[in-house]
Amino acid sequence: MAKIRLEKYIADVTSLTRKEIKKIMDEGYVTVNGEIIRRSTSVNIDDEICLYDEILKYEKYKYYMLNKPAGYITANHDYHEATIFDLLPELRSEKLFAYGRLDKDTEGIILISNDGVLGHKLLNPKYHVKKTYFVKVDKPFNDNIKNHFPKPIKIGEGEIVNDYKFDFISEDQCLLEISEGKFHQVKRMLEFFEYDVTYLKRIKFGPLKLDNDLDLGDIRPLTEEEIKLLKENIDG
């Protein structure tokens, strides 16, 4: 049976620091299987751990979906710019990481987790994780861009995009599916055709679609089905 230090158990489940946890334990607000515990000890994962009489459910890994608004950079900390974690004071940024960066002016789905193995696979080009963007440009699409596929798109600095799919939904709006995450990739792809992107939103990450009920700046945990689907999509 898996053993873990009580302080780590509580730290993994809550946003409390070790110092805060020690103080709460000293004050007698932590119980293990009904017994008040004031000092460091090892517990089993399936023990009943209570904090302020509330049962804690241990989860080694946490997974969230964020609907990122414009105006925030995808980073844990920054001295000059507001980050996505400034939107999420309830989450401890030193424990979690965003997988799939978005530019400051780009909206849409970002996955946040402490599962480093999954994060590596989500970002590794060899796994070909698809991302779909809603794109609006500054003028109507012409035949040059509409008929370009499947030819490669040169995005400068010797970089070429071969894996992509356009779906033109109006004269100046499209969906773009890509499987890489090069710096400013979508904007650079449209620049190749002499278009400026005026609005950009990622609406799908791998098999997961942005939750339509999730307002800009809001976050929610992934469901068990979504986590399973995400892992199957990568490992399948």
C-alpha atoms as a PDB file:
ATOM      1  CA  MET A   1       0.000   0.000   0.000  1.00  0.00           C
ATOM      2  CA  ALA A   2       1.434   3.382  -1.019  1.00  0.00           C
ATOM      3  CA  LYS A   3       2.782   5.514   1.808  1.00  0.00           C
ATOM      4  CA  ILE A   4       3.200   9.291   1.764  1.00  0.00           C
ATOM      5  CA  ARG A   5       4.105  11.959   4.306  1.00  0.00           C
ATOM      6  CA  LEU A   6       1.012  13.595   5.720  1.00  0.00           C
ATOM      7  CA  GLU A   7       2.253  17.095   4.923  1.00  0.00           C
ATOM      8  CA  LYS A   8       2.872  16.152   1.296  1.00  0.00           C
ATOM      9  CA  TYR A   9      -0.565  14.544   1.075  1.00  0.00           C
ATOM     10  CA  ILE A  10      -2.204  17.775   2.212  1.00  0.00           C
ATOM     11  CA  ALA A  11       0.072  19.950   0.073  1.00  0.00           C
ATOM     12  CA  ASP A  12      -0.742  17.887  -3.044  1.00  0.00           C
ATOM     13  CA  VAL A  13      -4.480  18.177  -2.440  1.00  0.00           C
ATOM     14  CA  THR A  14      -4.668  21.824  -1.348  1.00  0.00           C
ATOM     15  CA  SER A  15      -2.960  25.115  -2.135  1.00  0.00           C
ATOM     16  CA  LEU A  16      -1.454  25.313   1.358  1.00  0.00           C
ATOM     17  CA  THR A  17       2.274  25.685   1.930  1.00  0.00           C
ATOM     18  CA  ARG A  18       4.206  23.301   4.173  1.00  0.00           C
ATOM     19  CA  LYS A  19       4.517  26.090   6.762  1.00  0.00           C
ATOM     20  CA  GLU A  20       0.761  26.657   6.744  1.00  0.00           C
ATOM     21  CA  ILE A  21       0.114  22.924   7.006  1.00  0.00           C
ATOM     22  CA  LYS A  22       2.435  22.573  10.013  1.00  0.00           C
ATOM     23  CA  LYS A  23       0.586  25.409  11.787  1.00  0.00           C
ATOM     24  CA  ILE A  24      -2.814  23.846  11.056  1.00  0.00           C
ATOM     25  CA  MET A  25      -1.577  20.479  12.320  1.00  0.00           C
ATOM     26  CA  ASP A  26      -0.195  22.080  15.494  1.00  0.00           C
ATOM     27  CA  GLU A  27      -3.637  23.600  16.096  1.00  0.00           C
ATOM     28  CA  GLY A  28      -5.286  20.167  15.861  1.00  0.00           C
ATOM     29  CA  TYR A  29      -7.273  20.645  12.651  1.00  0.00           C
ATOM     30  CA  VAL A  30      -5.912  17.565  10.849  1.00  0.00           C
ATOM     31  CA  THR A  31      -7.152  14.035  11.520  1.00  0.00           C
ATOM     32  CA  VAL A  32      -6.135  10.657  10.126  1.00  0.00           C
ATOM     33  CA  ASN A  33      -8.808   7.982  10.414  1.00  0.00           C
ATOM     34  CA  GLY A  34     -10.498  10.045  13.119  1.00  0.00           C
ATOM     35  CA  GLU A  35      -7.370  10.697  15.186  1.00  0.00           C
ATOM     36  CA  ILE A  36      -5.970  14.202  15.574  1.00  0.00           C
ATOM     37  CA  ILE A  37      -2.402  14.304  14.225  1.00  0.00           C
ATOM     38  CA  ARG A  38      -0.132  17.169  15.280  1.00  0.00           C
ATOM     39  CA  ARG A  39       3.252  15.884  14.103  1.00  0.00           C
ATOM     40  CA  SER A  40       4.758  14.623  10.861  1.00  0.00           C
ATOM     41  CA  THR A  41       3.856  11.034  10.030  1.00  0.00           C
ATOM     42  CA  SER A  42       3.392   8.694   7.084  1.00  0.00           C
ATOM     43  CA  VAL A  43      -0.097   7.824   5.897  1.00  0.00           C
ATOM     44  CA  ASN A  44      -1.630   5.490   3.337  1.00  0.00           C
ATOM     45  CA  ILE A  45      -3.195   6.942   0.199  1.00  0.00           C
ATOM     46  CA  ASP A  46      -6.551   5.412   1.128  1.00  0.00           C
ATOM     47  CA  ASP A  47      -6.538   6.654   4.749  1.00  0.00           C
ATOM     48  CA  GLU A  48      -9.285   9.092   5.676  1.00  0.00           C
ATOM     49  CA  ILE A  49      -7.509  12.446   5.946  1.00  0.00           C
ATOM     50  CA  CYS A  50      -9.624  15.345   7.186  1.00  0.00           C
ATOM     51  CA  LEU A  51      -8.807  19.041   7.243  1.00  0.00           C
ATOM     52  CA  TYR A  52     -11.205  21.201   9.238  1.00  0.00           C
ATOM     53  CA  ASP A  53     -13.557  18.167   9.328  1.00  0.00           C
ATOM     54  CA  GLU A  54     -13.604  17.988   5.531  1.00  0.00           C
ATOM     55  CA  ILE A  55     -12.408  14.737   3.924  1.00  0.00           C
ATOM     56  CA  LEU A  56      -9.573  15.253   1.443  1.00  0.00           C
ATOM     57  CA  LYS A  57      -9.415  13.168  -1.714  1.00  0.00           C
ATOM     58  CA  TYR A  58      -5.873  12.459  -2.813  1.00  0.00           C
ATOM     59  CA  GLU A  59      -5.036  12.957  -6.472  1.00  0.00           C
ATOM     60  CA  LYS A  60      -1.420  12.713  -7.520  1.00  0.00           C
ATOM     61  CA  TYR A  61      -2.074  14.531 -10.788  1.00  0.00           C
ATOM     62  CA  LYS A  62      -4.439  17.382 -11.507  1.00  0.00           C
ATOM     63  CA  TYR A  63      -5.736  18.387 -14.917  1.00  0.00           C
ATOM     64  CA  TYR A  64      -7.526  21.608 -15.837  1.00  0.00           C
ATOM     65  CA  MET A  65      -8.941  23.357 -18.890  1.00  0.00           C
ATOM     66  CA  LEU A  66      -8.540  27.137 -19.034  1.00  0.00           C
ATOM     67  CA  ASN A  67     -10.284  29.458 -21.461  1.00  0.00           C
ATOM     68  CA  LYS A  68      -7.477  31.989 -21.782  1.00  0.00           C
ATOM     69  CA  PRO A  69      -8.413  35.607 -22.467  1.00  0.00           C
ATOM     70  CA  ALA A  70      -6.231  38.036 -24.385  1.00  0.00           C
ATOM     71  CA  GLY A  71      -3.875  40.213 -22.363  1.00  0.00           C
ATOM     72  CA  TYR A  72      -2.106  37.447 -20.433  1.00  0.00           C
ATOM     73  CA  ILE A  73       1.088  35.604 -21.237  1.00  0.00           C
ATOM     74  CA  THR A  74       1.433  31.843 -20.838  1.00  0.00           C
ATOM     75  CA  ALA A  75       3.935  31.645 -18.019  1.00  0.00           C
ATOM     76  CA  ASN A  76       4.105  30.746 -14.345  1.00  0.00           C
ATOM     77  CA  HIS A  77       5.686  34.032 -13.283  1.00  0.00           C
ATOM     78  CA  ASP A  78       6.713  37.283 -14.900  1.00  0.00           C
ATOM     79  CA  TYR A  79       7.946  40.554 -13.393  1.00  0.00           C
ATOM     80  CA  HIS A  80       6.526  42.747 -16.159  1.00  0.00           C
ATOM     81  CA  GLU A  81       3.470  41.041 -17.673  1.00  0.00           C
ATOM     82  CA  ALA A  82       0.282  39.549 -16.255  1.00  0.00           C
ATOM     83  CA  THR A  83       0.329  35.752 -16.566  1.00  0.00           C
ATOM     84  CA  ILE A  84      -2.441  33.183 -16.798  1.00  0.00           C
ATOM     85  CA  PHE A  85      -1.725  32.210 -13.183  1.00  0.00           C
ATOM     86  CA  ASP A  86      -2.593  35.749 -12.104  1.00  0.00           C
ATOM     87  CA  LEU A  87      -6.107  34.781 -13.205  1.00  0.00           C
ATOM     88  CA  LEU A  88      -5.992  31.697 -10.988  1.00  0.00           C
ATOM     89  CA  PRO A  89      -5.071  32.638  -7.412  1.00  0.00           C
ATOM     90  CA  GLU A  90      -6.564  29.375  -6.168  1.00  0.00           C
ATOM     91  CA  LEU A  91      -3.892  27.397  -8.036  1.00  0.00           C
ATOM     92  CA  ARG A  92      -0.261  27.247  -6.946  1.00  0.00           C
ATOM     93  CA  SER A  93       1.778  28.130 -10.001  1.00  0.00           C
ATOM     94  CA  GLU A  94       4.924  26.461  -8.667  1.00  0.00           C
ATOM     95  CA  LYS A  95       3.112  23.112  -8.773  1.00  0.00           C
ATOM     96  CA  LEU A  96       1.343  23.378 -12.118  1.00  0.00           C
ATOM     97  CA  PHE A  97       2.342  24.086 -15.685  1.00  0.00           C
ATOM     98  CA  ALA A  98       0.533  25.160 -18.830  1.00  0.00           C
ATOM     99  CA  TYR A  99       0.837  22.822 -21.789  1.00  0.00           C
ATOM    100  CA  GLY A 100       0.408  24.512 -25.134  1.00  0.00           C
ATOM    101  CA  ARG A 101       1.429  28.145 -24.951  1.00  0.00           C
ATOM    102  CA  LEU A 102      -0.715  30.869 -26.474  1.00  0.00           C
ATOM    103  CA  ASP A 103       0.440  34.357 -27.445  1.00  0.00           C
ATOM    104  CA  LYS A 104      -0.550  37.272 -25.231  1.00  0.00           C
ATOM    105  CA  ASP A 105      -3.249  38.423 -27.663  1.00  0.00           C
ATOM    106  CA  THR A 106      -4.591  34.906 -28.359  1.00  0.00           C
ATOM    107  CA  GLU A 107      -7.589  33.356 -26.624  1.00  0.00           C
ATOM    108  CA  GLY A 108      -8.712  29.800 -26.111  1.00  0.00           C
ATOM    109  CA  ILE A 109      -8.035  26.422 -24.592  1.00  0.00           C
ATOM    110  CA  ILE A 110      -4.946  25.784 -22.497  1.00  0.00           C
ATOM    111  CA  LEU A 111      -4.376  22.606 -20.514  1.00  0.00           C
ATOM    112  CA  ILE A 112      -2.854  22.975 -17.056  1.00  0.00           C
ATOM    113  CA  SER A 113      -1.456  20.058 -15.091  1.00  0.00           C
ATOM    114  CA  ASN A 114       1.323  18.736 -12.871  1.00  0.00           C
ATOM    115  CA  ASP A 115       1.620  15.565 -14.979  1.00  0.00           C
ATOM    116  CA  GLY A 116       5.030  16.105 -16.548  1.00  0.00           C
ATOM    117  CA  VAL A 117       4.974  12.915 -18.620  1.00  0.00           C
ATOM    118  CA  LEU A 118       1.692  13.875 -20.246  1.00  0.00           C
ATOM    119  CA  GLY A 119       2.925  17.432 -20.755  1.00  0.00           C
ATOM    120  CA  HIS A 120       6.038  16.215 -22.555  1.00  0.00           C
ATOM    121  CA  LYS A 121       3.939  14.136 -24.923  1.00  0.00           C
ATOM    122  CA  LEU A 122       1.480  16.967 -25.561  1.00  0.00           C
ATOM    123  CA  LEU A 123       4.315  19.251 -26.640  1.00  0.00           C
ATOM    124  CA  ASN A 124       6.579  16.756 -28.404  1.00  0.00           C
ATOM    125  CA  PRO A 125       6.177  17.050 -32.206  1.00  0.00           C
ATOM    126  CA  LYS A 126       6.631  13.297 -32.672  1.00  0.00           C
ATOM    127  CA  TYR A 127       3.209  12.680 -31.091  1.00  0.00           C
ATOM    128  CA  HIS A 128       1.495  14.952 -33.662  1.00  0.00           C
ATOM    129  CA  VAL A 129      -1.071  16.329 -31.218  1.00  0.00           C
ATOM    130  CA  LYS A 130      -3.523  18.352 -33.326  1.00  0.00           C
ATOM    131  CA  LYS A 131      -4.573  21.862 -32.343  1.00  0.00           C
ATOM    132  CA  THR A 132      -7.383  23.736 -34.064  1.00  0.00           C
ATOM    133  CA  TYR A 133      -7.633  27.524 -34.215  1.00  0.00           C
ATOM    134  CA  PHE A 134     -10.391  29.902 -35.205  1.00  0.00           C
ATOM    135  CA  VAL A 135      -8.720  32.609 -37.306  1.00  0.00           C
ATOM    136  CA  LYS A 136      -9.979  35.949 -38.567  1.00  0.00           C
ATOM    137  CA  VAL A 137      -7.880  37.953 -41.034  1.00  0.00           C
ATOM    138  CA  ASP A 138      -7.787  41.492 -42.390  1.00  0.00           C
ATOM    139  CA  LYS A 139      -9.142  40.812 -45.903  1.00  0.00           C
ATOM    140  CA  PRO A 140     -10.987  38.128 -47.900  1.00  0.00           C
ATOM    141  CA  PHE A 141      -9.235  34.853 -48.621  1.00  0.00           C
ATOM    142  CA  ASN A 142      -8.157  34.452 -52.235  1.00  0.00           C
ATOM    143  CA  ASP A 143      -7.506  31.411 -54.415  1.00  0.00           C
ATOM    144  CA  ASN A 144      -3.808  31.537 -53.600  1.00  0.00           C
ATOM    145  CA  ILE A 145      -4.414  30.371 -50.048  1.00  0.00           C
ATOM    146  CA  LYS A 146      -7.478  28.260 -50.807  1.00  0.00           C
ATOM    147  CA  ASN A 147      -5.676  26.171 -53.403  1.00  0.00           C
ATOM    148  CA  HIS A 148      -2.259  25.967 -51.753  1.00  0.00           C
ATOM    149  CA  PHE A 149      -2.750  22.684 -49.864  1.00  0.00           C
ATOM    150  CA  PRO A 150      -0.954  20.226 -49.753  1.00  0.00           C
ATOM    151  CA  LYS A 151       2.121  22.277 -50.633  1.00  0.00           C
ATOM    152  CA  PRO A 152       4.342  23.308 -47.682  1.00  0.00           C
ATOM    153  CA  ILE A 153       4.143  26.740 -46.104  1.00  0.00           C
ATOM    154  CA  LYS A 154       7.386  28.609 -45.477  1.00  0.00           C
ATOM    155  CA  ILE A 155       7.215  30.635 -42.281  1.00  0.00           C
ATOM    156  CA  GLY A 156      10.700  32.136 -42.295  1.00  0.00           C
ATOM    157  CA  GLU A 157      13.972  31.402 -40.525  1.00  0.00           C
ATOM    158  CA  GLY A 158      14.264  28.200 -42.545  1.00  0.00           C
ATOM    159  CA  GLU A 159      11.139  26.696 -40.982  1.00  0.00           C
ATOM    160  CA  ILE A 160       8.486  24.921 -43.048  1.00  0.00           C
ATOM    161  CA  VAL A 161       5.023  23.657 -42.106  1.00  0.00           C
ATOM    162  CA  ASN A 162       3.823  20.542 -43.905  1.00  0.00           C
ATOM    163  CA  ASP A 163       1.141  19.253 -41.567  1.00  0.00           C
ATOM    164  CA  TYR A 164      -1.842  21.620 -41.670  1.00  0.00           C
ATOM    165  CA  LYS A 165      -5.461  21.864 -42.765  1.00  0.00           C
ATOM    166  CA  PHE A 166      -7.517  24.952 -43.608  1.00  0.00           C
ATOM    167  CA  ASP A 167     -11.308  24.998 -43.402  1.00  0.00           C
ATOM    168  CA  PHE A 168     -12.610  28.272 -44.850  1.00  0.00           C
ATOM    169  CA  ILE A 169     -15.896  29.200 -43.159  1.00  0.00           C
ATOM    170  CA  SER A 170     -16.399  32.752 -44.456  1.00  0.00           C
ATOM    171  CA  GLU A 171     -14.611  35.252 -46.661  1.00  0.00           C
ATOM    172  CA  ASP A 172     -12.262  36.281 -43.847  1.00  0.00           C
ATOM    173  CA  GLN A 173     -12.604  33.502 -41.254  1.00  0.00           C
ATOM    174  CA  CYS A 174     -11.245  29.975 -41.168  1.00  0.00           C
ATOM    175  CA  LEU A 175     -10.350  27.050 -38.969  1.00  0.00           C
ATOM    176  CA  LEU A 176      -6.717  25.994 -39.059  1.00  0.00           C
ATOM    177  CA  GLU A 177      -5.495  22.642 -37.758  1.00  0.00           C
ATOM    178  CA  ILE A 178      -1.792  22.180 -37.061  1.00  0.00           C
ATOM    179  CA  SER A 179       0.262  19.650 -35.113  1.00  0.00           C
ATOM    180  CA  GLU A 180       3.309  21.707 -34.185  1.00  0.00           C
ATOM    181  CA  GLY A 181       3.797  24.663 -31.908  1.00  0.00           C
ATOM    182  CA  LYS A 182       6.397  26.871 -33.511  1.00  0.00           C
ATOM    183  CA  PHE A 183       6.764  30.438 -32.276  1.00  0.00           C
ATOM    184  CA  HIS A 184       3.852  32.568 -33.608  1.00  0.00           C
ATOM    185  CA  GLN A 185       3.171  29.725 -36.047  1.00  0.00           C
ATOM    186  CA  VAL A 186      -0.407  30.568 -37.058  1.00  0.00           C
ATOM    187  CA  LYS A 187       0.385  34.237 -37.629  1.00  0.00           C
ATOM    188  CA  ARG A 188       3.506  33.368 -39.618  1.00  0.00           C
ATOM    189  CA  MET A 189       1.552  30.889 -41.750  1.00  0.00           C
ATOM    190  CA  LEU A 190      -0.988  33.560 -42.652  1.00  0.00           C
ATOM    191  CA  GLU A 191       1.780  36.095 -43.296  1.00  0.00           C
ATOM    192  CA  PHE A 192       3.103  33.710 -45.944  1.00  0.00           C
ATOM    193  CA  PHE A 193      -0.108  34.464 -47.875  1.00  0.00           C
ATOM    194  CA  GLU A 194       0.108  38.203 -47.023  1.00  0.00           C
ATOM    195  CA  TYR A 195      -2.644  38.216 -44.402  1.00  0.00           C
ATOM    196  CA  ASP A 196      -2.628  39.778 -40.946  1.00  0.00           C
ATOM    197  CA  VAL A 197      -4.451  37.887 -38.210  1.00  0.00           C
ATOM    198  CA  THR A 198      -6.952  40.160 -36.464  1.00  0.00           C
ATOM    199  CA  TYR A 199      -8.374  37.570 -34.065  1.00  0.00           C
ATOM    200  CA  LEU A 200      -7.085  34.182 -32.972  1.00  0.00           C
ATOM    201  CA  LYS A 201      -8.600  31.585 -30.666  1.00  0.00           C
ATOM    202  CA  ARG A 202      -7.609  27.972 -30.065  1.00  0.00           C
ATOM    203  CA  ILE A 203     -10.792  25.928 -29.917  1.00  0.00           C
ATOM    204  CA  LYS A 204      -9.415  22.391 -29.756  1.00  0.00           C
ATOM    205  CA  PHE A 205      -6.367  20.750 -28.189  1.00  0.00           C
ATOM    206  CA  GLY A 206      -5.898  17.135 -29.236  1.00  0.00           C
ATOM    207  CA  PRO A 207      -9.281  15.446 -28.809  1.00  0.00           C
ATOM    208  CA  LEU A 208     -10.536  18.068 -26.329  1.00  0.00           C
ATOM    209  CA  LYS A 209     -12.784  20.901 -27.477  1.00  0.00           C
ATOM    210  CA  LEU A 210     -13.000  24.175 -25.612  1.00  0.00           C
ATOM    211  CA  ASP A 211     -15.987  23.981 -23.280  1.00  0.00           C
ATOM    212  CA  ASN A 212     -18.590  26.416 -24.612  1.00  0.00           C
ATOM    213  CA  ASP A 213     -19.831  26.988 -21.057  1.00  0.00           C
ATOM    214  CA  LEU A 214     -16.388  28.146 -19.923  1.00  0.00           C
ATOM    215  CA  ASP A 215     -16.225  31.943 -19.944  1.00  0.00           C
ATOM    216  CA  LEU A 216     -13.004  33.775 -20.784  1.00  0.00           C
ATOM    217  CA  GLY A 217     -10.690  33.567 -17.790  1.00  0.00           C
ATOM    218  CA  ASP A 218     -12.518  30.621 -16.249  1.00  0.00           C
ATOM    219  CA  ILE A 219     -11.050  27.225 -15.462  1.00  0.00           C
ATOM    220  CA  ARG A 220     -12.454  23.805 -14.605  1.00  0.00           C
ATOM    221  CA  PRO A 221     -11.017  20.357 -13.864  1.00  0.00           C
ATOM    222  CA  LEU A 222     -10.980  17.877 -16.711  1.00  0.00           C
ATOM    223  CA  THR A 223     -13.450  15.036 -16.345  1.00  0.00           C
ATOM    224  CA  GLU A 224     -12.206  11.465 -16.010  1.00  0.00           C
ATOM    225  CA  GLU A 225     -13.467  10.810 -19.540  1.00  0.00           C
ATOM    226  CA  GLU A 226     -11.528  13.786 -20.905  1.00  0.00           C
ATOM    227  CA  ILE A 227      -8.321  12.689 -19.174  1.00  0.00           C
ATOM    228  CA  LYS A 228      -8.727   9.168 -20.551  1.00  0.00           C
ATOM    229  CA  LEU A 229      -9.464  10.508 -24.036  1.00  0.00           C
ATOM    230  CA  LEU A 230      -6.427  12.789 -23.920  1.00  0.00           C
ATOM    231  CA  LYS A 231      -4.083   9.975 -22.903  1.00  0.00           C
ATOM    232  CA  GLU A 232      -5.533   7.529 -25.418  1.00  0.00           C
ATOM    233  CA  ASN A 233      -5.109  10.095 -28.187  1.00  0.00           C
ATOM    234  CA  ILE A 234      -1.406  10.397 -27.417  1.00  0.00           C
ATOM    235  CA  ASP A 235      -0.562   6.766 -26.667  1.00  0.00           C
ATOM    236  CA  GLY A 236      -2.910   5.170 -29.169  1.00  0.00           C
END
